[in-house]
């Protein structure tokens, strides 16, 4: 990473607002579910092409019909024109590149049959946006994906650089593809940071802006911050919770410990307690 990287912050005055913390998120059956039930010839042919594609063959055992229905609906609606290869694979979701018009997007597919249901419930329970979510695994995963979409919107509205959410259908999220030199953007854990002081200032400011917008990331570390063209982006906001969540403070303390520990390894004199005070503006409260 070059010495002159500035990691410029977004102007908070340009933010569009963070949205309503108490907004309801619909987790009822989607068009993808209806398409899967209908199983017309065109959809069946699409499903066969996807299953036979090299980049999806390993997923055949965990993608259900409604997942193919979601991809089919996103193609029909013009959000996806062609699928590319995998960006990342994980226990709960795989991310693929796709072509949308003349630019690439990222398509994140949560695997309902393989997702960690219990772990997801720990982040959803207590979030006022998801009161009434039952124990049905499909509904929980659908809620999780819509939660990630809403969290990305709120983060960007608060002046935090994060992938732009484009569309969501059942367990599939389409969003901006953050890349560098034609490849996925590198995580902080994957690069040599030559100006850690500036990077730390940006990350802690992002944490404060998220908190002021009523969100705690919940899994923030050097693995969830990426660099594109000298700018830092926060990713993986699916687990982010509102500040009213019962475990929000515990999650924030963990985020502060992760971030402070990483930058301490870069030679900086930082502490999790000081970072927590900065994020929550406790230091300003003390001055008053």
Protein backbone atom coordinates (compact mmCIF):
# COMPACT_ATOMS: atom_id res chain seq x y z
CA UNK A 1 0.00 0.00 0.00
CA UNK A 2 1.44 3.38 -0.96
CA UNK A 3 2.55 5.95 1.63
CA UNK A 4 0.27 8.61 0.17
CA UNK A 5 -2.98 6.70 0.69
CA UNK A 6 -5.33 9.11 2.44
CA UNK A 7 -8.30 6.86 3.26
CA UNK A 8 -10.58 9.85 2.72
CA UNK A 9 -13.79 9.98 4.71
CA UNK A 10 -17.16 10.64 3.15
CA UNK A 11 -18.66 14.03 3.93
CA UNK A 12 -21.43 13.42 6.48
CA UNK A 13 -23.42 16.26 4.91
CA UNK A 14 -23.72 14.18 1.73
CA UNK A 15 -25.32 11.28 3.60
CA UNK A 16 -28.94 10.64 2.77
CA UNK A 17 -30.03 9.73 6.29
CA UNK A 18 -29.88 6.46 8.15
CA UNK A 19 -33.47 5.28 7.97
CA UNK A 20 -35.91 4.22 10.64
CA UNK A 21 -34.54 1.88 13.29
CA UNK A 22 -38.01 0.51 13.86
CA UNK A 23 -38.76 -0.19 10.20
CA UNK A 24 -40.44 -3.51 9.56
CA UNK A 25 -38.80 -6.05 7.29
CA UNK A 26 -41.06 -8.40 5.39
CA UNK A 27 -40.06 -12.08 5.53
CA UNK A 28 -43.16 -13.57 3.96
CA UNK A 29 -43.03 -15.73 0.84
CA UNK A 30 -41.39 -13.97 -2.07
CA UNK A 31 -41.74 -14.26 -5.80
CA UNK A 32 -38.86 -16.75 -5.69
CA UNK A 33 -40.97 -19.11 -3.59
CA UNK A 34 -43.89 -18.74 -5.98
CA UNK A 35 -41.66 -19.36 -9.00
CA UNK A 36 -40.25 -22.48 -7.39
CA UNK A 37 -43.73 -23.80 -6.75
CA UNK A 38 -44.86 -23.05 -10.28
CA UNK A 39 -41.90 -24.84 -11.91
CA UNK A 40 -42.71 -23.76 -15.47
CA UNK A 41 -40.60 -24.94 -18.39
CA UNK A 42 -38.55 -21.74 -18.68
CA UNK A 43 -37.64 -21.79 -15.01
CA UNK A 44 -36.81 -25.50 -15.15
CA UNK A 45 -34.42 -24.88 -18.06
CA UNK A 46 -32.79 -21.99 -16.19
CA UNK A 47 -32.41 -24.16 -13.09
CA UNK A 48 -30.73 -26.91 -15.14
CA UNK A 49 -28.27 -24.45 -16.72
CA UNK A 50 -27.26 -23.07 -13.34
CA UNK A 51 -26.88 -26.52 -11.79
CA UNK A 52 -24.70 -27.65 -14.69
CA UNK A 53 -22.47 -24.54 -14.61
CA UNK A 54 -19.01 -25.26 -13.23
CA UNK A 55 -19.12 -22.51 -10.61
CA UNK A 56 -22.36 -23.87 -9.13
CA UNK A 57 -21.82 -27.62 -9.28
CA UNK A 58 -20.57 -27.84 -5.71
CA UNK A 59 -23.68 -26.05 -4.53
CA UNK A 60 -26.20 -28.40 -6.09
CA UNK A 61 -26.72 -30.24 -2.81
CA UNK A 62 -27.45 -27.11 -0.77
CA UNK A 63 -29.32 -24.82 -3.20
CA UNK A 64 -33.04 -25.47 -2.94
CA UNK A 65 -35.54 -24.78 -5.72
CA UNK A 66 -36.49 -21.40 -4.27
CA UNK A 67 -32.82 -20.31 -4.38
CA UNK A 68 -32.82 -21.00 -8.11
CA UNK A 69 -36.14 -19.19 -8.21
CA UNK A 70 -34.52 -16.17 -6.56
CA UNK A 71 -31.68 -16.13 -9.09
CA UNK A 72 -34.19 -16.56 -11.91
CA UNK A 73 -36.26 -13.62 -10.64
CA UNK A 74 -33.18 -11.40 -10.35
CA UNK A 75 -32.22 -12.26 -13.93
CA UNK A 76 -35.74 -11.53 -15.16
CA UNK A 77 -35.75 -8.19 -13.33
CA UNK A 78 -32.50 -7.14 -15.03
CA UNK A 79 -30.22 -7.18 -11.99
CA UNK A 80 -28.13 -10.06 -13.36
CA UNK A 81 -27.23 -10.69 -17.01
CA UNK A 82 -24.55 -13.36 -16.63
CA UNK A 83 -22.87 -15.18 -13.79
CA UNK A 84 -19.13 -15.15 -13.18
CA UNK A 85 -16.93 -17.10 -10.84
CA UNK A 86 -16.84 -17.32 -7.05
CA UNK A 87 -15.30 -14.48 -5.04
CA UNK A 88 -15.45 -16.26 -1.70
CA UNK A 89 -16.97 -19.37 -0.20
CA UNK A 90 -18.06 -19.78 3.38
CA UNK A 91 -20.05 -21.91 5.77
CA UNK A 92 -23.17 -19.78 5.41
CA UNK A 93 -22.85 -18.03 2.05
CA UNK A 94 -20.96 -17.95 -1.21
CA UNK A 95 -20.28 -14.75 -3.13
CA UNK A 96 -20.06 -14.69 -6.94
CA UNK A 97 -19.34 -12.05 -9.51
CA UNK A 98 -22.03 -11.35 -12.07
CA UNK A 99 -22.52 -9.01 -14.98
CA UNK A 100 -25.25 -6.39 -14.72
CA UNK A 101 -25.37 -4.26 -17.81
CA UNK A 102 -21.84 -3.03 -18.44
CA UNK A 103 -20.51 -3.48 -14.91
CA UNK A 104 -19.84 -6.25 -12.42
CA UNK A 105 -21.83 -6.83 -9.26
CA UNK A 106 -21.44 -9.21 -6.35
CA UNK A 107 -24.11 -11.85 -5.75
CA UNK A 108 -24.19 -13.26 -2.21
CA UNK A 109 -26.11 -16.52 -1.90
CA UNK A 110 -26.97 -17.73 1.58
CA UNK A 111 -27.37 -21.47 1.75
CA UNK A 112 -30.48 -22.10 3.79
CA UNK A 113 -29.79 -25.78 4.43
CA UNK A 114 -26.22 -25.10 5.58
CA UNK A 115 -26.53 -21.80 7.48
CA UNK A 116 -25.84 -21.71 11.21
CA UNK A 117 -29.42 -21.22 12.33
CA UNK A 118 -28.62 -20.89 16.04
CA UNK A 119 -25.89 -18.31 15.52
CA UNK A 120 -28.14 -16.21 13.27
CA UNK A 121 -30.94 -16.21 15.82
CA UNK A 122 -28.52 -14.77 18.38
CA UNK A 123 -28.17 -11.63 16.25
CA UNK A 124 -31.83 -11.40 15.20
CA UNK A 125 -33.40 -11.92 18.62
CA UNK A 126 -33.73 -8.59 20.37
CA UNK A 127 -33.58 -6.55 17.16
CA UNK A 128 -36.85 -4.55 17.05
CA UNK A 129 -36.96 -4.89 13.25
CA UNK A 130 -37.42 -8.65 13.56
CA UNK A 131 -39.92 -9.07 16.35
CA UNK A 132 -42.24 -11.95 15.60
CA UNK A 133 -39.76 -13.92 13.51
CA UNK A 134 -40.55 -17.55 14.15
CA UNK A 135 -38.35 -20.63 14.23
CA UNK A 136 -38.74 -21.50 10.57
CA UNK A 137 -35.22 -21.71 9.18
CA UNK A 138 -36.18 -20.25 5.81
CA UNK A 139 -37.72 -17.21 7.47
CA UNK A 140 -34.68 -16.69 9.68
CA UNK A 141 -32.26 -16.78 6.73
CA UNK A 142 -34.57 -14.57 4.65
CA UNK A 143 -34.69 -12.10 7.52
CA UNK A 144 -30.90 -12.20 7.79
CA UNK A 145 -30.44 -11.32 4.11
CA UNK A 146 -32.95 -8.46 4.27
CA UNK A 147 -31.23 -7.32 7.45
CA UNK A 148 -27.91 -7.15 5.61
CA UNK A 149 -29.55 -5.14 2.81
CA UNK A 150 -31.06 -2.70 5.33
CA UNK A 151 -27.82 -2.43 7.31
CA UNK A 152 -25.84 -1.58 4.17
CA UNK A 153 -28.35 1.12 3.32
CA UNK A 154 -28.13 2.58 6.81
CA UNK A 155 -24.33 2.46 6.87
CA UNK A 156 -24.08 4.32 3.58
CA UNK A 157 -26.68 6.81 4.73
CA UNK A 158 -24.52 7.51 7.78
CA UNK A 159 -21.47 8.31 5.66
CA UNK A 160 -19.74 4.94 5.96
CA UNK A 161 -18.19 3.47 2.84
CA UNK A 162 -19.82 0.08 2.30
CA UNK A 163 -20.99 -1.87 -0.76
CA UNK A 164 -24.13 -0.39 -2.27
CA UNK A 165 -27.04 -2.84 -1.88
CA UNK A 166 -28.80 -3.25 -5.22
CA UNK A 167 -31.46 -5.94 -4.87
CA UNK A 168 -32.57 -8.70 -2.54
CA UNK A 169 -34.68 -11.76 -3.29
CA UNK A 170 -35.25 -14.40 -0.64
CA UNK A 171 -31.76 -15.67 0.30
CA UNK A 172 -29.85 -13.82 -2.45
CA UNK A 173 -28.34 -10.34 -2.14
CA UNK A 174 -27.02 -8.34 -5.10
CA UNK A 175 -24.62 -5.54 -4.21
CA UNK A 176 -21.77 -3.42 -5.47
CA UNK A 177 -18.61 -5.36 -6.28
CA UNK A 178 -15.65 -3.79 -4.48
CA UNK A 179 -12.56 -4.57 -6.59
CA UNK A 180 -8.99 -3.50 -7.21
CA UNK A 181 -7.17 -4.06 -10.50
CA UNK A 182 -9.83 -6.46 -11.73
CA UNK A 183 -9.79 -8.63 -8.63
CA UNK A 184 -11.65 -8.50 -5.31
CA UNK A 185 -10.52 -5.77 -2.94
CA UNK A 186 -7.98 -6.88 -0.37
CA UNK A 187 -8.77 -7.07 3.33
CA UNK A 188 -6.67 -5.16 5.85
CA UNK A 189 -5.39 -8.56 6.98
CA UNK A 190 -3.96 -9.17 3.51
CA UNK A 191 -1.94 -5.98 2.95
CA UNK A 192 1.00 -4.20 4.50
CA UNK A 193 -0.29 -0.96 5.97
CA UNK A 194 2.30 1.78 5.64
CA UNK A 195 0.19 4.48 7.32
CA UNK A 196 -1.70 2.68 10.11
CA UNK A 197 -2.44 5.90 12.01
CA UNK A 198 -4.61 7.25 9.20
CA UNK A 199 -6.27 3.87 8.63
CA UNK A 200 -7.11 3.63 12.33
CA UNK A 201 -8.61 7.12 12.35
CA UNK A 202 -10.90 6.18 9.45
CA UNK A 203 -11.96 2.84 10.94
CA UNK A 204 -12.77 4.35 14.33
CA UNK A 205 -14.71 7.17 12.66
CA UNK A 206 -16.71 4.58 10.70
CA UNK A 207 -17.46 2.79 13.97
CA UNK A 208 -18.66 6.06 15.52
CA UNK A 209 -20.84 6.89 12.51
CA UNK A 210 -22.40 3.44 12.62
CA UNK A 211 -23.07 3.84 16.33
CA UNK A 212 -24.57 7.29 15.84
CA UNK A 213 -26.82 5.72 13.19
CA UNK A 214 -27.97 3.13 15.73
CA UNK A 215 -25.84 0.21 14.51
CA UNK A 216 -23.07 -1.95 15.92
CA UNK A 217 -21.18 -4.06 13.36
CA UNK A 218 -20.84 -7.04 15.68
CA UNK A 219 -17.99 -8.76 13.84
CA UNK A 220 -15.61 -5.95 12.93
CA UNK A 221 -11.96 -6.82 12.44
CA UNK A 222 -9.19 -6.62 9.86
CA UNK A 223 -11.10 -9.29 7.93
CA UNK A 224 -14.18 -7.10 7.39
CA UNK A 225 -12.48 -3.93 6.16
CA UNK A 226 -11.25 -3.84 2.56
CA UNK A 227 -9.28 -1.35 0.47
CA UNK A 228 -10.28 -0.09 -2.97
CA UNK A 229 -8.30 2.68 -4.70
CA UNK A 230 -6.89 3.93 -1.41
CA UNK A 231 -10.27 4.00 0.37
CA UNK A 232 -11.48 1.78 3.19
CA UNK A 233 -14.82 -0.03 2.97
CA UNK A 234 -16.68 -1.91 5.71
CA UNK A 235 -18.20 -5.20 4.53
CA UNK A 236 -20.22 -8.11 5.93
CA UNK A 237 -22.91 -6.20 7.82
CA UNK A 238 -25.36 -9.09 7.96
CA UNK A 239 -24.86 -9.59 11.69
CA UNK A 240 -24.90 -5.86 12.59
CA UNK A 241 -27.46 -5.10 15.28
CA UNK A 242 -29.20 -1.94 16.43
CA UNK A 243 -27.97 -0.24 19.58
CA UNK A 244 -31.24 -1.35 21.26
CA UNK A 245 -30.24 -5.01 20.92
CA UNK A 246 -29.66 -6.65 24.28
CA UNK A 247 -26.12 -7.69 23.30
CA UNK A 248 -25.18 -4.52 21.41
CA UNK A 249 -22.75 -3.31 24.07
CA UNK A 250 -21.06 -6.70 24.29
CA UNK A 251 -20.72 -6.81 20.50
CA UNK A 252 -19.28 -3.28 20.43
CA UNK A 253 -16.73 -4.13 23.11
CA UNK A 254 -15.67 -7.12 21.03
CA UNK A 255 -15.37 -4.96 17.91
CA UNK A 256 -13.21 -2.48 19.82
CA UNK A 257 -10.97 -5.26 21.11
CA UNK A 258 -10.52 -6.70 17.61
CA UNK A 259 -9.76 -3.35 15.99
CA UNK A 260 -7.45 -2.13 18.77
CA UNK A 261 -5.58 -5.44 18.80
CA UNK A 262 -4.99 -5.30 15.04
CA UNK A 263 -3.65 -1.75 15.05
CA UNK A 264 -1.56 -2.43 18.15
CA UNK A 265 0.15 -5.13 16.09
CA UNK A 266 0.89 -2.41 13.53
CA UNK A 267 2.90 -0.61 16.21
CA UNK A 268 0.26 1.84 17.41
CA UNK A 269 -0.46 2.72 21.04
CA UNK A 270 -4.22 2.12 21.08
CA UNK A 271 -6.57 0.52 23.57
CA UNK A 272 -9.99 -1.06 23.29
CA UNK A 273 -11.28 1.11 26.16
CA UNK A 274 -10.22 4.36 24.49
CA UNK A 275 -11.75 3.22 21.21
CA UNK A 276 -15.02 2.33 22.96
CA UNK A 277 -15.14 5.78 24.55
CA UNK A 278 -14.54 7.43 21.18
CA UNK A 279 -17.24 5.42 19.43
CA UNK A 280 -19.85 6.03 22.12
CA UNK A 281 -18.69 9.62 22.68
CA UNK A 282 -18.18 8.80 26.35
CA UNK A 283 -15.14 11.07 26.37
CA UNK A 284 -17.31 14.03 25.34
CA UNK A 285 -19.85 13.17 28.04
CA UNK A 286 -17.05 13.22 30.63
CA UNK A 287 -15.96 16.69 29.50
CA UNK A 288 -19.47 17.99 30.04
